[in-house]
Amino acid sequence: MRVVLDKGEVDILIPCEGTYPYVRGGVSSWIAQLITGLPEYSFGIVFLGSRQKDYSAKPLFEFPDNLLFMVELFMFDDDEKEPIRARDGDIEDFKKIEELYHWFKEKKEQDSFPKELKKIDFYRDRVDEATFLYSRESWYFISNKNQENCPEISFLDYFWSVRSIHIPIWKVVKLANFVLDKGKIIHSPSTGYSGFLSALIANDTGKPFILTEHGIYTKERKIDLISSSFNLYKKLDLFRESAEDNYIQKMWVNFFEGIGKMTYSKANPILSLFSVAKETQIAYGAKAELCRVIPNGVDIKRLGATLKNRPTGVPKVITLIGRVVSIKDIKTFIRAIRVTANVIPDVEAWVVGPDDEEIAYAEECRDLIDILDVKDNIKFLGFQNIADILPKSGLQTLTSISEGMPLVILEGFAAGVPCVSTDVGSCKELIYGGEQEGDRELGKAGVICQIANVEQLSSAYIELLTNEDRWYKAQKVALERVNRFYTQDIFIDNYREVYKDIFKKIGE
């Protein structure tokens, strides 16, 4: 744990997992937008990362004047532990751990979550990290569960998996204890570890806790685990055999579903970016009466100014703005470009984003480009200023297997670029229209395709790049939709009202 910045007390504390200020785009951009857009409030950041080496060595955002505090914790870095020594542990305390174990496994309701385990002092004073790591009761607990539930799995693999899943809890608890007095409001952009930390603080202090989910954290972790293209956070080499794969994956899923429910049980309000996400939150255990939608918004003035830089006609350029990682399914984009290039030989495909997060996957993408002989068509441009890229683009695309509410689609719309996307997150609402009055009547700002469907993607690329009438209609819809429903001013005003209401309730 390291304090990066401390200039005094803050109004709003934002615990964020693996995002701002060490990762660009997505949630990081949303946090930066929120802080700079509300200068009347002071903010603090609690950064929770996997390992320090997984992130930029320096912040990728300039800190605004109203960001007064930041502390960081890397949950899976090795740190100094207490000397190993035998200890007994308390049977009664491990009965509470047993209750928690069954609660996770049986997916019980929020209200049945063991009350003692919602409090910081349980992890600090009763079953602390050393007790979990070294006590006889902990050993008995883990070995008994191995024999009861998965005796076919190697005990060593099971043992280290359980420890790997749970060790971050004690690190997060220490961090929560450190920041208890920071912030009058806690505002987390996800469940997961940052939601768990927020719920602990809210339970101990009674501070208001706002949750805004961008994607659905538990759902995304399931995708990470099941796809196994990269293991959770790239940090653990756990999965070796199919039986082990299935059971340990289930352990991780139960864990994240459990801390997700704990987060939902304490947050109020529970916000999402689009209607499908709201319904998913409710399905995962959030109370419907606490849930509502606040969409993202973009700076239409800055991006709209780029329209004057667009060339005449439709550029034969398809741009994918995103990280080169498996969840973005760049390989499907490459295959779709191969088909598109058979019809439009001079088509260009630009991948705009960092490629150093999943190095092996990025290499596989480059190998596929060579195999399919599209190296003259596809360019990996790395991080770029989108204000320079979008005016040169004929289409924007997302081929992801999971998204929340992609800011890049709205940014493209503001710059007059239609979008072809897979049917994930809010993409259909953005491209075909959502539930806001008059939105769907505007028409289509591009095309929605099935996940991993090369034929649908390439057909949409070809149609829009070769049919100028269709392209200009899509551009008109894109511009009207973003200007009417998704401006930065609307977004900031919505959160200003959320904060104002809560501060009024607590007498600030």
Protein backbone atom coordinates (compact mmCIF):
# COMPACT_ATOMS: atom_id res chain seq x y z
CA MET A 1 0.00 0.00 0.00
CA ARG A 2 1.36 3.41 -0.99
CA VAL A 3 -0.02 6.92 -0.62
CA VAL A 4 0.50 8.73 -3.93
CA LEU A 5 -1.23 12.02 -3.09
CA ASP A 6 -2.60 13.54 0.10
CA LYS A 7 -3.75 17.15 0.12
CA GLY A 8 -6.43 16.83 2.77
CA GLU A 9 -9.99 15.67 3.26
CA VAL A 10 -12.21 14.84 0.29
CA ASP A 11 -15.94 14.87 -0.41
CA ILE A 12 -16.13 11.76 -2.58
CA LEU A 13 -13.88 8.69 -2.40
CA ILE A 14 -13.74 6.50 -5.52
CA PRO A 15 -12.34 2.98 -5.06
CA CYS A 16 -11.50 1.70 -8.53
CA GLU A 17 -10.17 -1.66 -9.63
CA GLY A 18 -7.54 -1.76 -12.37
CA THR A 19 -8.58 1.50 -14.03
CA TYR A 20 -7.86 5.20 -13.34
CA PRO A 21 -5.19 6.54 -13.46
CA TYR A 22 -3.01 3.70 -14.82
CA VAL A 23 -5.22 2.45 -17.67
CA ARG A 24 -6.73 4.50 -20.48
CA GLY A 25 -10.26 4.40 -21.84
CA GLY A 26 -13.53 2.98 -20.53
CA VAL A 27 -14.03 3.36 -16.79
CA SER A 28 -10.84 5.43 -16.46
CA SER A 29 -12.17 8.03 -18.88
CA TRP A 30 -15.50 8.04 -17.02
CA ILE A 31 -13.75 8.73 -13.69
CA ALA A 32 -11.64 11.51 -15.22
CA GLN A 33 -14.74 13.01 -16.80
CA LEU A 34 -16.65 12.91 -13.51
CA ILE A 35 -13.88 14.54 -11.46
CA THR A 36 -13.11 17.33 -13.94
CA GLY A 37 -16.80 17.94 -14.64
CA LEU A 38 -17.64 18.54 -10.97
CA PRO A 39 -15.00 21.00 -9.71
CA GLU A 40 -17.25 22.01 -6.81
CA TYR A 41 -16.48 18.64 -5.15
CA SER A 42 -13.14 17.23 -4.02
CA PHE A 43 -12.27 13.62 -4.86
CA GLY A 44 -10.00 10.84 -3.68
CA ILE A 45 -8.94 7.69 -5.53
CA VAL A 46 -8.32 4.26 -4.00
CA PHE A 47 -6.61 2.25 -6.73
CA LEU A 48 -6.81 -1.55 -6.48
CA GLY A 49 -4.60 -3.36 -8.96
CA SER A 50 -3.45 -6.91 -9.58
CA ARG A 51 0.35 -6.60 -9.78
CA GLN A 52 2.30 -3.40 -10.15
CA LYS A 53 4.02 -4.69 -13.28
CA ASP A 54 0.64 -5.00 -15.01
CA TYR A 55 0.18 -1.23 -15.18
CA SER A 56 1.86 1.90 -16.44
CA ALA A 57 4.70 3.05 -14.20
CA LYS A 58 3.26 6.58 -14.18
CA PRO A 59 -0.31 7.93 -14.16
CA LEU A 60 -1.75 8.28 -17.66
CA PHE A 61 -4.00 11.17 -16.66
CA GLU A 62 -3.11 14.62 -15.43
CA PHE A 63 -4.54 15.03 -11.94
CA PRO A 64 -7.08 17.89 -11.76
CA ASP A 65 -6.94 20.40 -8.91
CA ASN A 66 -9.92 18.83 -7.12
CA LEU A 67 -8.27 15.39 -6.90
CA LEU A 68 -6.75 15.65 -3.43
CA PHE A 69 -6.01 12.08 -2.36
CA MET A 70 -4.81 8.83 -3.88
CA VAL A 71 -3.63 5.55 -2.40
CA GLU A 72 -2.75 2.39 -4.32
CA LEU A 73 -2.70 -1.30 -3.46
CA PHE A 74 -1.53 -4.19 -5.65
CA MET A 75 -3.42 -7.19 -4.36
CA PHE A 76 -1.35 -9.97 -5.87
CA ASP A 77 2.14 -8.57 -5.35
CA ASP A 78 4.19 -10.37 -2.76
CA ASP A 79 4.62 -8.27 0.33
CA GLU A 80 6.08 -8.68 3.75
CA LYS A 81 4.13 -11.19 5.85
CA GLU A 82 4.27 -12.05 9.50
CA PRO A 83 6.80 -14.77 10.35
CA ILE A 84 5.31 -18.22 9.95
CA ARG A 85 4.50 -19.76 13.28
CA ALA A 86 1.98 -22.32 14.42
CA ARG A 87 -1.26 -21.05 15.92
CA ASP A 88 -4.53 -22.69 16.78
CA GLY A 89 -7.23 -20.35 15.56
CA ASP A 90 -10.66 -20.11 17.16
CA ILE A 91 -13.24 -22.79 16.37
CA GLU A 92 -16.15 -20.34 16.77
CA ASP A 93 -14.59 -17.88 14.31
CA PHE A 94 -14.15 -20.61 11.73
CA LYS A 95 -17.78 -21.56 12.19
CA LYS A 96 -18.52 -18.08 10.82
CA ILE A 97 -16.17 -18.78 7.92
CA GLU A 98 -18.15 -21.99 7.40
CA GLU A 99 -21.37 -19.97 7.28
CA LEU A 100 -19.82 -17.67 4.69
CA TYR A 101 -18.62 -20.63 2.64
CA HIS A 102 -22.15 -22.09 2.51
CA TRP A 103 -23.62 -18.67 1.75
CA PHE A 104 -21.35 -18.33 -1.28
CA LYS A 105 -21.94 -21.89 -2.42
CA GLU A 106 -25.73 -21.87 -2.04
CA LYS A 107 -26.25 -18.34 -3.42
CA LYS A 108 -28.47 -17.30 -0.54
CA GLU A 109 -30.25 -13.98 -0.29
CA GLN A 110 -28.45 -10.78 0.76
CA ASP A 111 -30.13 -10.65 4.16
CA SER A 112 -28.65 -13.99 5.20
CA PHE A 113 -25.04 -12.85 4.73
CA PRO A 114 -23.28 -13.46 8.09
CA LYS A 115 -23.45 -10.09 9.85
CA GLU A 116 -20.08 -10.45 11.60
CA LEU A 117 -18.34 -10.81 8.23
CA LYS A 118 -19.58 -7.44 7.02
CA LYS A 119 -17.41 -5.69 9.62
CA ILE A 120 -13.75 -4.83 9.30
CA ASP A 121 -12.91 -5.95 12.83
CA PHE A 122 -13.75 -9.59 12.05
CA TYR A 123 -10.88 -9.75 9.55
CA ARG A 124 -8.64 -7.49 11.61
CA ASP A 125 -9.11 -8.89 15.12
CA ARG A 126 -10.65 -12.37 14.87
CA VAL A 127 -9.57 -14.17 11.69
CA ASP A 128 -6.68 -12.01 10.55
CA GLU A 129 -4.42 -12.80 7.61
CA ALA A 130 -1.91 -14.76 9.68
CA THR A 131 -4.68 -16.89 11.19
CA PHE A 132 -6.06 -17.64 7.73
CA LEU A 133 -2.61 -18.46 6.37
CA TYR A 134 -1.04 -20.40 9.24
CA SER A 135 -3.56 -21.65 11.81
CA ARG A 136 -4.51 -25.27 12.41
CA GLU A 137 -8.21 -24.43 12.16
CA SER A 138 -7.65 -22.92 8.72
CA TRP A 139 -5.78 -26.04 7.62
CA TYR A 140 -8.58 -28.28 8.92
CA PHE A 141 -11.19 -26.12 7.20
CA ILE A 142 -9.50 -26.19 3.79
CA SER A 143 -8.58 -29.88 3.90
CA ASN A 144 -12.10 -30.89 4.99
CA LYS A 145 -13.69 -28.90 2.16
CA ASN A 146 -11.33 -30.51 -0.34
CA GLN A 147 -12.39 -33.99 0.81
CA GLU A 148 -16.09 -33.11 0.97
CA ASN A 149 -16.41 -31.41 -2.41
CA CYS A 150 -13.60 -32.29 -4.81
CA PRO A 151 -11.41 -35.16 -3.63
CA GLU A 152 -10.46 -35.82 -7.25
CA ILE A 153 -8.54 -32.52 -7.32
CA SER A 154 -5.01 -32.47 -5.99
CA PHE A 155 -5.03 -31.12 -2.45
CA LEU A 156 -2.06 -28.84 -3.19
CA ASP A 157 -3.85 -27.30 -6.16
CA TYR A 158 -7.05 -26.86 -4.15
CA PHE A 159 -5.17 -25.44 -1.16
CA TRP A 160 -3.30 -22.81 -3.16
CA SER A 161 -6.42 -21.93 -5.13
CA VAL A 162 -8.37 -21.22 -1.95
CA ARG A 163 -5.53 -19.09 -0.60
CA SER A 164 -5.19 -17.19 -3.87
CA ILE A 165 -8.91 -16.42 -3.97
CA HIS A 166 -9.07 -15.17 -0.39
CA ILE A 167 -5.73 -13.50 0.41
CA PRO A 168 -6.79 -10.23 -1.32
CA ILE A 169 -9.63 -9.94 1.22
CA TRP A 170 -7.18 -9.17 4.03
CA LYS A 171 -5.26 -6.70 1.89
CA VAL A 172 -8.50 -4.94 1.01
CA VAL A 173 -9.52 -4.90 4.68
CA LYS A 174 -6.23 -3.22 5.66
CA LEU A 175 -6.78 -0.67 2.94
CA ALA A 176 -10.39 -0.06 4.03
CA ASN A 177 -9.20 0.50 7.59
CA PHE A 178 -6.63 3.02 6.31
CA VAL A 179 -9.18 5.09 4.36
CA LEU A 180 -12.11 4.88 6.82
CA ASP A 181 -11.87 8.60 7.56
CA LYS A 182 -11.42 9.66 3.94
CA GLY A 183 -14.44 10.83 1.99
CA LYS A 184 -17.96 11.72 3.04
CA ILE A 185 -19.43 9.60 0.24
CA ILE A 186 -18.08 6.37 -1.27
CA HIS A 187 -18.69 5.95 -5.01
CA SER A 188 -17.51 2.70 -6.61
CA PRO A 189 -17.61 2.07 -10.38
CA SER A 190 -17.92 -1.71 -9.93
CA THR A 191 -18.67 -4.52 -7.53
CA GLY A 192 -15.70 -6.91 -7.16
CA TYR A 193 -12.90 -5.90 -4.81
CA SER A 194 -13.64 -2.18 -4.99
CA GLY A 195 -17.30 -2.86 -4.21
CA PHE A 196 -16.28 -5.10 -1.31
CA LEU A 197 -14.02 -2.35 0.06
CA SER A 198 -16.84 0.20 -0.32
CA ALA A 199 -19.34 -2.05 1.47
CA LEU A 200 -16.91 -2.62 4.35
CA ILE A 201 -16.41 1.13 4.80
CA ALA A 202 -20.15 1.81 4.55
CA ASN A 203 -20.95 -0.93 7.09
CA ASP A 204 -18.36 0.35 9.57
CA THR A 205 -19.01 4.07 9.24
CA GLY A 206 -22.55 4.44 7.94
CA LYS A 207 -21.26 6.58 5.07
CA PRO A 208 -23.43 6.73 1.93
CA PHE A 209 -22.27 4.34 -0.79
CA ILE A 210 -23.10 4.86 -4.47
CA LEU A 211 -22.51 2.05 -6.97
CA THR A 212 -22.25 2.73 -10.70
CA GLU A 213 -21.63 -0.45 -12.71
CA HIS A 214 -20.28 0.01 -16.22
CA GLY A 215 -20.28 -3.62 -17.26
CA ILE A 216 -21.60 -6.26 -14.90
CA TYR A 217 -18.47 -7.25 -13.00
CA THR A 218 -19.59 -10.79 -12.09
CA LYS A 219 -20.62 -11.53 -15.66
CA GLU A 220 -17.29 -10.26 -17.01
CA ARG A 221 -15.33 -12.36 -14.52
CA LYS A 222 -17.29 -15.42 -15.66
CA ILE A 223 -16.27 -14.68 -19.23
CA ASP A 224 -12.64 -14.30 -18.17
CA LEU A 225 -12.71 -17.62 -16.35
CA ILE A 226 -14.66 -19.68 -18.85
CA SER A 227 -12.80 -18.42 -21.92
CA SER A 228 -9.45 -19.12 -20.21
CA SER A 229 -7.75 -17.12 -22.94
CA PHE A 230 -6.25 -15.28 -20.07
CA ASN A 231 -6.75 -16.25 -16.49
CA LEU A 232 -8.24 -13.85 -14.01
CA TYR A 233 -5.91 -10.80 -13.94
CA LYS A 234 -3.25 -12.96 -15.65
CA LYS A 235 -2.04 -13.72 -12.18
CA LEU A 236 -2.66 -17.38 -11.44
CA ASP A 237 -1.70 -20.54 -13.29
CA LEU A 238 -4.39 -22.64 -11.65
CA PHE A 239 -6.16 -24.61 -14.32
CA ARG A 240 -4.47 -27.85 -15.35
CA GLU A 241 -7.11 -30.54 -15.86
CA SER A 242 -10.77 -30.41 -16.86
CA ALA A 243 -12.19 -31.45 -13.45
CA GLU A 244 -9.95 -28.92 -11.79
CA ASP A 245 -10.90 -26.28 -14.37
CA ASN A 246 -14.59 -26.70 -13.69
CA TYR A 247 -14.48 -26.76 -9.91
CA ILE A 248 -11.98 -23.95 -9.44
CA GLN A 249 -13.78 -21.81 -11.99
CA LYS A 250 -16.95 -22.38 -9.98
CA MET A 251 -15.16 -21.36 -6.78
CA TRP A 252 -14.10 -18.06 -8.37
CA VAL A 253 -17.60 -17.44 -9.76
CA ASN A 254 -19.24 -18.13 -6.39
CA PHE A 255 -16.78 -15.79 -4.72
CA PHE A 256 -17.45 -12.89 -7.09
CA GLU A 257 -21.21 -13.47 -7.02
CA GLY A 258 -21.02 -13.41 -3.22
CA ILE A 259 -19.10 -10.17 -2.85
CA GLY A 260 -21.33 -8.73 -5.59
CA LYS A 261 -24.41 -9.44 -3.47
CA MET A 262 -22.68 -7.99 -0.43
CA THR A 263 -22.00 -4.84 -2.47
CA TYR A 264 -25.62 -4.61 -3.67
CA SER A 265 -26.87 -5.04 -0.11
CA LYS A 266 -25.17 -1.81 1.01
CA ALA A 267 -25.22 0.45 -2.05
CA ASN A 268 -27.91 3.09 -2.53
CA PRO A 269 -28.44 4.14 -5.26
CA ILE A 270 -27.38 1.31 -7.57
CA LEU A 271 -26.72 2.85 -10.97
CA SER A 272 -26.05 1.40 -14.40
CA LEU A 273 -25.41 2.85 -17.82
CA PHE A 274 -28.21 1.19 -19.81
CA SER A 275 -31.45 -0.71 -19.26
CA VAL A 276 -30.18 -4.24 -19.94
CA ALA A 277 -27.46 -3.74 -17.31
CA LYS A 278 -30.07 -2.59 -14.81
CA GLU A 279 -32.09 -5.76 -15.36
CA THR A 280 -28.93 -7.85 -15.00
CA GLN A 281 -28.11 -6.16 -11.69
CA ILE A 282 -31.56 -7.07 -10.41
CA ALA A 283 -31.09 -10.67 -11.60
CA TYR A 284 -27.79 -10.82 -9.66
CA GLY A 285 -29.45 -9.69 -6.43
CA ALA A 286 -29.81 -5.89 -6.48
CA LYS A 287 -33.09 -4.47 -5.16
CA ALA A 288 -35.11 -3.15 -8.10
CA GLU A 289 -36.31 -0.06 -6.23
CA LEU A 290 -32.70 1.11 -5.74
CA CYS A 291 -31.69 0.66 -9.39
CA ARG A 292 -31.76 3.27 -12.12
CA VAL A 293 -29.93 4.25 -15.27
CA ILE A 294 -27.59 7.20 -15.87
CA PRO A 295 -26.05 6.95 -19.36
CA ASN A 296 -22.57 8.07 -20.30
CA GLY A 297 -22.01 11.29 -22.16
CA VAL A 298 -19.28 12.74 -24.37
CA ASP A 299 -17.85 16.13 -25.20
CA ILE A 300 -19.82 16.84 -28.36
CA LYS A 301 -18.24 20.26 -28.86
CA ARG A 302 -14.67 18.95 -28.96
CA LEU A 303 -15.49 15.94 -31.12
CA GLY A 304 -18.05 17.75 -33.25
CA ALA A 305 -15.33 20.23 -34.20
CA THR A 306 -13.54 17.40 -36.02
CA LEU A 307 -16.34 17.16 -38.62
CA LYS A 308 -14.72 19.96 -40.62
CA ASN A 309 -11.68 17.74 -41.07
CA ARG A 310 -13.58 14.91 -42.75
CA PRO A 311 -12.76 14.31 -46.42
CA THR A 312 -15.38 14.27 -49.16
CA GLY A 313 -16.97 10.85 -49.50
CA VAL A 314 -16.63 7.82 -47.24
CA PRO A 315 -13.06 6.82 -46.32
CA LYS A 316 -12.44 3.10 -46.79
CA VAL A 317 -11.11 2.93 -43.23
CA ILE A 318 -12.60 0.78 -40.45
CA THR A 319 -11.35 1.72 -37.00
CA LEU A 320 -11.46 -0.43 -33.88
CA ILE A 321 -10.60 1.66 -30.82
CA GLY A 322 -9.74 -0.65 -27.95
CA ARG A 323 -7.10 -2.72 -26.23
CA VAL A 324 -5.66 -5.71 -28.07
CA VAL A 325 -7.07 -8.28 -25.65
CA SER A 326 -9.14 -11.40 -26.06
CA ILE A 327 -12.37 -9.94 -24.68
CA LYS A 328 -12.28 -7.47 -27.62
CA ASP A 329 -12.07 -10.45 -30.03
CA ILE A 330 -9.60 -8.80 -32.38
CA LYS A 331 -9.18 -12.11 -34.21
CA THR A 332 -12.77 -11.98 -35.46
CA PHE A 333 -12.11 -8.43 -36.69
CA ILE A 334 -9.05 -9.67 -38.61
CA ARG A 335 -11.06 -12.50 -40.21
CA ALA A 336 -13.84 -10.07 -41.15
CA ILE A 337 -11.29 -7.79 -42.82
CA ARG A 338 -10.03 -10.72 -44.88
CA VAL A 339 -13.56 -11.19 -46.29
CA THR A 340 -14.08 -7.44 -46.69
CA ALA A 341 -10.80 -7.05 -48.59
CA ASN A 342 -11.97 -9.61 -51.14
CA VAL A 343 -14.62 -7.06 -52.19
CA ILE A 344 -12.84 -3.78 -51.27
CA PRO A 345 -9.13 -4.52 -51.87
CA ASP A 346 -7.95 -1.11 -50.64
CA VAL A 347 -9.88 -1.22 -47.35
CA GLU A 348 -7.82 -0.25 -44.31
CA ALA A 349 -8.42 -1.57 -40.79
CA TRP A 350 -6.92 0.38 -37.90
CA VAL A 351 -6.61 -1.08 -34.43
CA VAL A 352 -6.14 1.89 -32.10
CA GLY A 353 -5.14 0.92 -28.58
CA PRO A 354 -2.37 -0.60 -26.47
CA ASP A 355 -1.16 -4.12 -27.27
CA ASP A 356 0.98 -4.80 -24.20
CA GLU A 357 -1.69 -6.14 -21.84
CA GLU A 358 -2.01 -9.64 -23.32
CA ILE A 359 1.26 -9.98 -25.18
CA ALA A 360 0.70 -13.59 -26.29
CA TYR A 361 -2.74 -12.72 -27.66
CA ALA A 362 -1.36 -9.73 -29.57
CA GLU A 363 1.28 -11.99 -31.14
CA GLU A 364 -1.42 -14.48 -32.13
CA CYS A 365 -3.30 -11.62 -33.83
CA ARG A 366 -0.20 -10.65 -35.80
CA ASP A 367 0.35 -14.27 -36.80
CA LEU A 368 -3.25 -14.46 -38.02
CA ILE A 369 -2.74 -11.32 -40.10
CA ASP A 370 0.20 -13.01 -41.81
CA ILE A 371 -1.66 -16.28 -42.33
CA LEU A 372 -4.66 -14.51 -43.89
CA ASP A 373 -2.39 -12.23 -45.93
CA VAL A 374 -4.00 -8.95 -44.83
CA LYS A 375 -0.84 -7.24 -43.57
CA ASP A 376 -1.30 -4.51 -46.21
CA ASN A 377 -4.83 -3.85 -44.92
CA ILE A 378 -4.49 -3.95 -41.13
CA LYS A 379 -2.47 -1.52 -39.01
CA PHE A 380 -1.87 -1.62 -35.26
CA LEU A 381 -1.53 2.06 -34.36
CA GLY A 382 -1.26 1.88 -30.57
CA PHE A 383 -2.62 4.71 -28.48
CA GLN A 384 -3.68 7.72 -30.56
CA ASN A 385 -5.62 10.95 -30.14
CA ILE A 386 -9.09 9.96 -31.33
CA ALA A 387 -9.71 13.51 -32.54
CA ASP A 388 -7.04 12.81 -35.17
CA ILE A 389 -8.25 9.29 -35.99
CA LEU A 390 -12.04 9.63 -36.23
CA PRO A 391 -12.19 12.19 -39.10
CA LYS A 392 -10.15 9.76 -41.23
CA SER A 393 -12.44 6.82 -40.43
CA GLY A 394 -15.37 5.65 -42.52
CA LEU A 395 -16.63 3.27 -39.86
CA GLN A 396 -15.97 2.48 -36.26
CA THR A 397 -16.33 -1.11 -35.09
CA LEU A 398 -16.40 -3.19 -31.93
CA THR A 399 -16.13 -6.98 -32.16
CA SER A 400 -16.11 -7.55 -28.40
CA ILE A 401 -17.64 -10.50 -26.57
CA SER A 402 -18.50 -8.24 -23.62
CA GLU A 403 -18.94 -4.50 -23.12
CA GLY A 404 -20.73 -2.11 -20.83
CA MET A 405 -21.62 1.21 -22.47
CA PRO A 406 -18.67 1.96 -24.76
CA LEU A 407 -17.75 5.63 -24.75
CA VAL A 408 -15.91 5.08 -28.01
CA ILE A 409 -19.18 4.51 -29.89
CA LEU A 410 -20.57 7.81 -28.59
CA GLU A 411 -17.29 9.57 -29.36
CA GLY A 412 -17.46 8.21 -32.89
CA PHE A 413 -21.05 9.39 -33.24
CA ALA A 414 -20.09 12.89 -32.10
CA ALA A 415 -17.41 12.92 -34.80
CA GLY A 416 -19.87 11.69 -37.43
CA VAL A 417 -18.73 8.05 -37.66
CA PRO A 418 -21.35 5.26 -37.85
CA CYS A 419 -20.63 2.02 -36.03
CA VAL A 420 -20.77 -1.73 -36.69
CA SER A 421 -20.75 -3.65 -33.43
CA THR A 422 -21.44 -7.02 -31.90
CA ASP A 423 -24.59 -7.29 -29.80
CA VAL A 424 -23.02 -6.75 -26.39
CA GLY A 425 -23.71 -4.36 -23.53
CA SER A 426 -25.58 -1.26 -24.61
CA CYS A 427 -24.35 -1.34 -28.22
CA LYS A 428 -27.78 -2.18 -29.66
CA GLU A 429 -29.36 0.68 -27.70
CA LEU A 430 -26.71 3.10 -28.93
CA ILE A 431 -26.90 2.05 -32.57
CA TYR A 432 -30.61 1.21 -32.95
CA GLY A 433 -32.02 3.44 -30.19
CA GLY A 434 -32.86 2.95 -26.54
CA GLU A 435 -35.86 3.49 -24.28
CA GLN A 436 -35.62 7.28 -24.08
CA GLU A 437 -38.56 8.97 -25.72
CA GLY A 438 -38.04 9.43 -29.45
CA ASP A 439 -34.71 7.59 -29.57
CA ARG A 440 -35.67 4.54 -31.61
CA GLU A 441 -37.64 6.69 -34.02
CA LEU A 442 -34.39 8.34 -35.11
CA GLY A 443 -33.35 5.14 -36.90
CA LYS A 444 -30.12 3.16 -37.14
CA ALA A 445 -26.66 4.64 -36.70
CA GLY A 446 -24.95 1.51 -38.03
CA VAL A 447 -25.37 -2.25 -37.78
CA ILE A 448 -25.52 -4.78 -34.93
CA CYS A 449 -24.08 -8.25 -35.53
CA GLN A 450 -23.89 -11.52 -33.63
CA ILE A 451 -20.79 -12.18 -31.55
CA ALA A 452 -17.95 -13.78 -33.58
CA ASN A 453 -20.01 -13.71 -36.78
CA VAL A 454 -17.47 -12.90 -39.49
CA GLU A 455 -20.04 -13.00 -42.30
CA GLN A 456 -22.38 -10.48 -40.66
CA LEU A 457 -19.55 -8.11 -39.75
CA SER A 458 -17.96 -8.15 -43.20
CA SER A 459 -21.35 -7.75 -44.92
CA ALA A 460 -22.07 -4.67 -42.78
CA TYR A 461 -18.62 -3.21 -43.50
CA ILE A 462 -19.06 -3.71 -47.23
CA GLU A 463 -22.60 -2.34 -47.37
CA LEU A 464 -21.84 0.85 -45.46
CA LEU A 465 -18.53 1.56 -47.21
CA THR A 466 -19.96 1.04 -50.70
CA ASN A 467 -23.43 2.59 -50.27
CA GLU A 468 -22.98 6.30 -49.60
CA ASP A 469 -26.72 6.97 -49.19
CA ARG A 470 -26.93 4.33 -46.46
CA TRP A 471 -23.75 5.67 -44.83
CA TYR A 472 -24.95 9.29 -44.76
CA LYS A 473 -28.30 8.25 -43.26
CA ALA A 474 -26.44 6.36 -40.52
CA GLN A 475 -24.17 9.35 -39.91
CA LYS A 476 -27.16 11.68 -39.58
CA VAL A 477 -28.78 9.39 -37.01
CA ALA A 478 -25.50 9.05 -35.10
CA LEU A 479 -25.05 12.80 -34.81
CA GLU A 480 -28.66 13.45 -33.81
CA ARG A 481 -28.70 10.65 -31.21
CA VAL A 482 -25.54 11.69 -29.41
CA ASN A 483 -26.46 15.37 -29.45
CA ARG A 484 -29.93 14.72 -28.07
CA PHE A 485 -29.32 12.00 -25.46
CA TYR A 486 -25.63 11.51 -24.68
CA THR A 487 -23.90 14.81 -24.06
CA GLN A 488 -21.32 15.36 -21.35
CA ASP A 489 -23.47 18.15 -19.90
CA ILE A 490 -26.41 15.78 -19.36
CA PHE A 491 -24.11 13.19 -17.79
CA ILE A 492 -22.50 15.68 -15.39
CA ASP A 493 -25.83 17.26 -14.41
CA ASN A 494 -27.23 13.82 -13.56
CA TYR A 495 -24.36 13.07 -11.16
CA ARG A 496 -24.43 16.57 -9.73
CA GLU A 497 -28.04 15.86 -8.68
CA VAL A 498 -27.09 12.45 -7.22
CA TYR A 499 -24.37 13.99 -5.07
CA LYS A 500 -26.48 16.99 -4.11
CA ASP A 501 -29.31 14.74 -2.88
CA ILE A 502 -26.98 12.60 -0.76
CA PHE A 503 -25.12 15.55 0.77
CA LYS A 504 -28.49 17.09 1.62
CA LYS A 505 -29.52 13.88 3.43
CA ILE A 506 -26.36 13.79 5.53
CA GLY A 507 -26.65 17.50 6.33
CA GLU A 508 -23.66 18.72 4.33
